[in-house]
Amino acid sequence: MLDRDGYRPNVGIVLVNHRNEVFWGKRAREHSWQFPQGGIKRGESPEEAMYRELHEEVGLLREHVRIIGRTRDWLRYDVPTHWVRREWRGHYRGQKQIWFLLRLVGRDTDIDLRATQHPEFDAWRWHDYWIPLESVIDFKRDVYRQALDELSLLMTRRPGRQRPGRDAAGLPVKDPAPGAEGAGT
């Protein structure tokens, strides 16, 4: 199901634990890591799709999480042409996503990557909130940045856990010159 601009409706999931670390999953049989995400089926709301994908990819149920919030609007990324199946070329451009921020209220042991017949991840770990921006595939990076920026405003920040290069209010700051007075304080 594509919209008229060639984007497939999709949900993305940022799952955080009690330390505000994010769930980071390794794609099955690949060496790429990403947040859980998946398509919205016809007649399904973004929230329904999110809960379905959460179970299919991470093995968690509604009672294991609490919704903190979601992005206001669709965030889009284009998939490079060489990644698009030939029969879709000229029609499919990429994904448009609503991103959800969830808090794990269950335990780590509730996570079950083998909850379905076709696991999408074969490993996972908790990561600092901003680390995924450094390792996600290039064409998804801008959407990840937009989603993490918007969703971070919904979380209570812990001291010393701001995004690198930003102050406590989330505003960009310049790095002090090497050897500058007060650098590192």
Protein backbone atom coordinates (compact mmCIF):
# COMPACT_ATOMS: atom_id res chain seq x y z
CA MET A 1 0.00 0.00 0.00
CA LEU A 2 1.65 3.21 -1.21
CA ASP A 3 0.40 6.77 -0.94
CA ARG A 4 0.08 8.85 -4.10
CA ASP A 5 3.67 10.11 -3.68
CA GLY A 6 5.14 6.59 -3.55
CA TYR A 7 5.67 6.28 0.21
CA ARG A 8 4.69 3.22 2.23
CA PRO A 9 2.98 4.07 5.57
CA ASN A 10 5.08 2.73 8.40
CA VAL A 11 5.65 3.00 12.15
CA GLY A 12 8.95 3.33 13.98
CA ILE A 13 9.47 2.43 17.63
CA VAL A 14 11.89 3.97 20.08
CA LEU A 15 11.72 1.75 23.17
CA VAL A 16 13.47 3.11 26.27
CA ASN A 17 14.29 1.43 29.56
CA HIS A 18 14.32 3.03 33.02
CA ARG A 19 17.78 4.52 32.28
CA ASN A 20 16.48 6.16 29.05
CA GLU A 21 18.62 3.81 26.97
CA VAL A 22 17.11 2.70 23.66
CA PHE A 23 16.46 -0.78 22.32
CA TRP A 24 18.74 -1.38 19.32
CA GLY A 25 18.11 -4.49 17.21
CA LYS A 26 20.40 -6.35 14.79
CA ARG A 27 18.61 -7.38 11.59
CA ALA A 28 18.46 -11.18 11.24
CA ARG A 29 21.30 -12.58 9.14
CA GLU A 30 22.68 -9.08 8.43
CA HIS A 31 25.18 -6.81 10.09
CA SER A 32 22.89 -3.80 10.32
CA TRP A 33 21.22 -2.39 13.41
CA GLN A 34 18.02 -0.38 13.65
CA PHE A 35 14.96 0.49 15.69
CA PRO A 36 11.91 -1.75 15.30
CA GLN A 37 9.71 -0.57 12.45
CA GLY A 38 7.17 -1.94 10.03
CA GLY A 39 4.35 -1.26 7.63
CA ILE A 40 0.83 -0.19 8.47
CA LYS A 41 -1.73 -2.60 7.02
CA ARG A 42 -4.88 -1.39 5.27
CA GLY A 43 -7.49 -0.42 7.89
CA GLU A 44 -4.95 -0.41 10.72
CA SER A 45 -4.24 2.72 12.79
CA PRO A 46 -0.61 3.70 13.44
CA GLU A 47 -1.04 2.70 17.11
CA GLU A 48 -2.43 -0.74 16.18
CA ALA A 49 0.45 -1.24 13.74
CA MET A 50 2.94 -0.21 16.42
CA TYR A 51 1.64 -2.81 18.89
CA ARG A 52 1.62 -5.51 16.19
CA GLU A 53 5.18 -4.67 15.09
CA LEU A 54 6.34 -4.48 18.72
CA HIS A 55 5.16 -8.04 19.25
CA GLU A 56 6.37 -9.37 15.89
CA GLU A 57 9.86 -7.88 16.16
CA VAL A 58 10.54 -7.63 19.91
CA GLY A 59 8.04 -10.06 21.47
CA LEU A 60 6.54 -7.45 23.78
CA LEU A 61 2.83 -7.02 24.50
CA ARG A 62 0.82 -3.91 25.43
CA GLU A 63 1.21 -4.62 29.13
CA HIS A 64 5.02 -4.55 28.82
CA VAL A 65 5.15 -0.92 27.64
CA ARG A 66 3.69 2.53 28.21
CA ILE A 67 3.29 5.01 25.36
CA ILE A 68 5.11 8.24 26.19
CA GLY A 69 4.22 9.92 22.89
CA ARG A 70 4.57 9.97 19.14
CA THR A 71 5.72 12.26 16.38
CA ARG A 72 3.19 14.87 15.28
CA ASP A 73 3.60 14.31 11.55
CA TRP A 74 4.84 11.74 9.07
CA LEU A 75 8.63 11.62 8.69
CA ARG A 76 9.83 10.44 5.26
CA TYR A 77 12.94 8.86 3.84
CA ASP A 78 13.75 7.81 0.30
CA VAL A 79 15.18 4.36 -0.34
CA PRO A 80 18.10 4.32 -2.83
CA THR A 81 16.95 3.05 -6.23
CA HIS A 82 19.35 0.07 -6.21
CA TRP A 83 17.58 -1.20 -3.04
CA VAL A 84 14.11 -1.07 -4.62
CA ARG A 85 12.74 -4.20 -6.32
CA ARG A 86 12.59 -3.78 -10.08
CA GLU A 87 8.82 -4.19 -10.25
CA TRP A 88 8.42 -1.29 -7.76
CA ARG A 89 10.86 1.12 -9.44
CA GLY A 90 9.14 4.25 -10.68
CA HIS A 91 6.35 3.81 -8.10
CA TYR A 92 8.02 3.25 -4.71
CA ARG A 93 10.09 6.09 -3.21
CA GLY A 94 10.46 5.06 0.43
CA GLN A 95 8.78 5.08 3.81
CA LYS A 96 6.66 7.63 5.65
CA GLN A 97 6.66 6.96 9.35
CA ILE A 98 4.93 7.85 12.58
CA TRP A 99 7.41 7.27 15.41
CA PHE A 100 6.35 6.14 18.89
CA LEU A 101 8.31 6.57 22.10
CA LEU A 102 7.61 3.72 24.52
CA ARG A 103 8.80 3.06 28.06
CA LEU A 104 9.49 -0.57 28.97
CA VAL A 105 7.51 -1.23 32.16
CA GLY A 106 8.16 -4.96 31.97
CA ARG A 107 11.54 -6.63 32.32
CA ASP A 108 14.36 -7.27 29.87
CA THR A 109 13.42 -10.95 30.06
CA ASP A 110 10.03 -10.11 28.50
CA ILE A 111 11.85 -9.32 25.23
CA ASP A 112 11.58 -12.35 22.93
CA LEU A 113 13.06 -12.01 19.44
CA ARG A 114 11.65 -15.46 18.58
CA ALA A 115 8.01 -14.66 19.41
CA THR A 116 6.96 -15.23 15.78
CA GLN A 117 7.83 -17.69 13.01
CA HIS A 118 9.94 -15.15 11.11
CA PRO A 119 12.20 -13.20 13.50
CA GLU A 120 13.39 -9.85 12.16
CA PHE A 121 16.17 -9.37 14.73
CA ASP A 122 18.68 -11.95 15.93
CA ALA A 123 20.36 -9.81 18.62
CA TRP A 124 19.63 -6.69 20.63
CA ARG A 125 21.16 -4.37 23.19
CA TRP A 126 20.46 -1.20 25.14
CA HIS A 127 22.23 1.92 23.86
CA ASP A 128 22.62 5.53 24.89
CA TYR A 129 19.71 7.50 23.38
CA TRP A 130 21.73 9.27 20.66
CA ILE A 131 24.15 6.47 19.62
CA PRO A 132 21.89 5.11 16.84
CA LEU A 133 22.53 8.28 14.84
CA GLU A 134 26.16 7.19 14.48
CA SER A 135 25.47 3.72 13.13
CA VAL A 136 22.14 3.67 11.28
CA ILE A 137 22.31 3.29 7.50
CA ASP A 138 22.83 6.65 5.78
CA PHE A 139 19.48 7.00 4.05
CA LYS A 140 17.59 6.62 7.37
CA ARG A 141 19.83 8.93 9.41
CA ASP A 142 17.90 12.18 8.89
CA VAL A 143 14.57 10.57 9.86
CA TYR A 144 16.18 9.02 12.94
CA ARG A 145 17.55 12.46 13.92
CA GLN A 146 14.14 14.09 13.42
CA ALA A 147 12.35 11.38 15.41
CA LEU A 148 14.87 11.34 18.27
CA ASP A 149 14.91 15.14 18.46
CA GLU A 150 11.12 15.40 18.63
CA LEU A 151 10.64 12.46 20.99
CA SER A 152 13.44 13.56 23.34
CA LEU A 153 11.32 16.55 24.29
CA LEU A 154 8.80 14.12 25.81
CA MET A 155 11.29 12.51 28.18
CA THR A 156 12.60 13.83 31.45
CA ARG A 157 16.28 14.36 30.82
CA ARG A 158 18.78 13.08 33.30
CA PRO A 159 21.73 15.33 34.20
CA GLY A 160 24.69 14.77 31.90
CA ARG A 161 22.61 12.89 29.31
CA GLN A 162 22.02 15.67 26.77
CA ARG A 163 22.65 15.12 23.09
CA PRO A 164 26.30 15.84 22.26
CA GLY A 165 26.74 19.41 21.11
CA ARG A 166 23.60 20.67 22.85
CA ASP A 167 22.98 22.35 26.18
CA ALA A 168 20.40 21.29 28.80
CA ALA A 169 17.69 23.17 26.89
CA GLY A 170 18.57 21.25 23.71
CA LEU A 171 20.10 24.28 21.99
CA PRO A 172 23.25 23.83 19.87
CA VAL A 173 26.50 24.86 21.54
CA LYS A 174 29.93 25.36 20.04
CA ASP A 175 32.76 23.19 21.26
CA PRO A 176 35.30 25.20 23.26
CA ALA A 177 38.61 25.75 21.53
CA PRO A 178 41.31 23.27 22.61
CA GLY A 179 42.98 24.56 25.73
CA ALA A 180 40.29 27.18 26.30
CA GLU A 181 39.64 28.23 29.88
CA GLY A 182 36.86 26.12 31.37
CA ALA A 183 36.94 23.49 28.63
CA GLY A 184 35.46 20.25 29.84
CA THR A 185 33.63 21.76 32.78
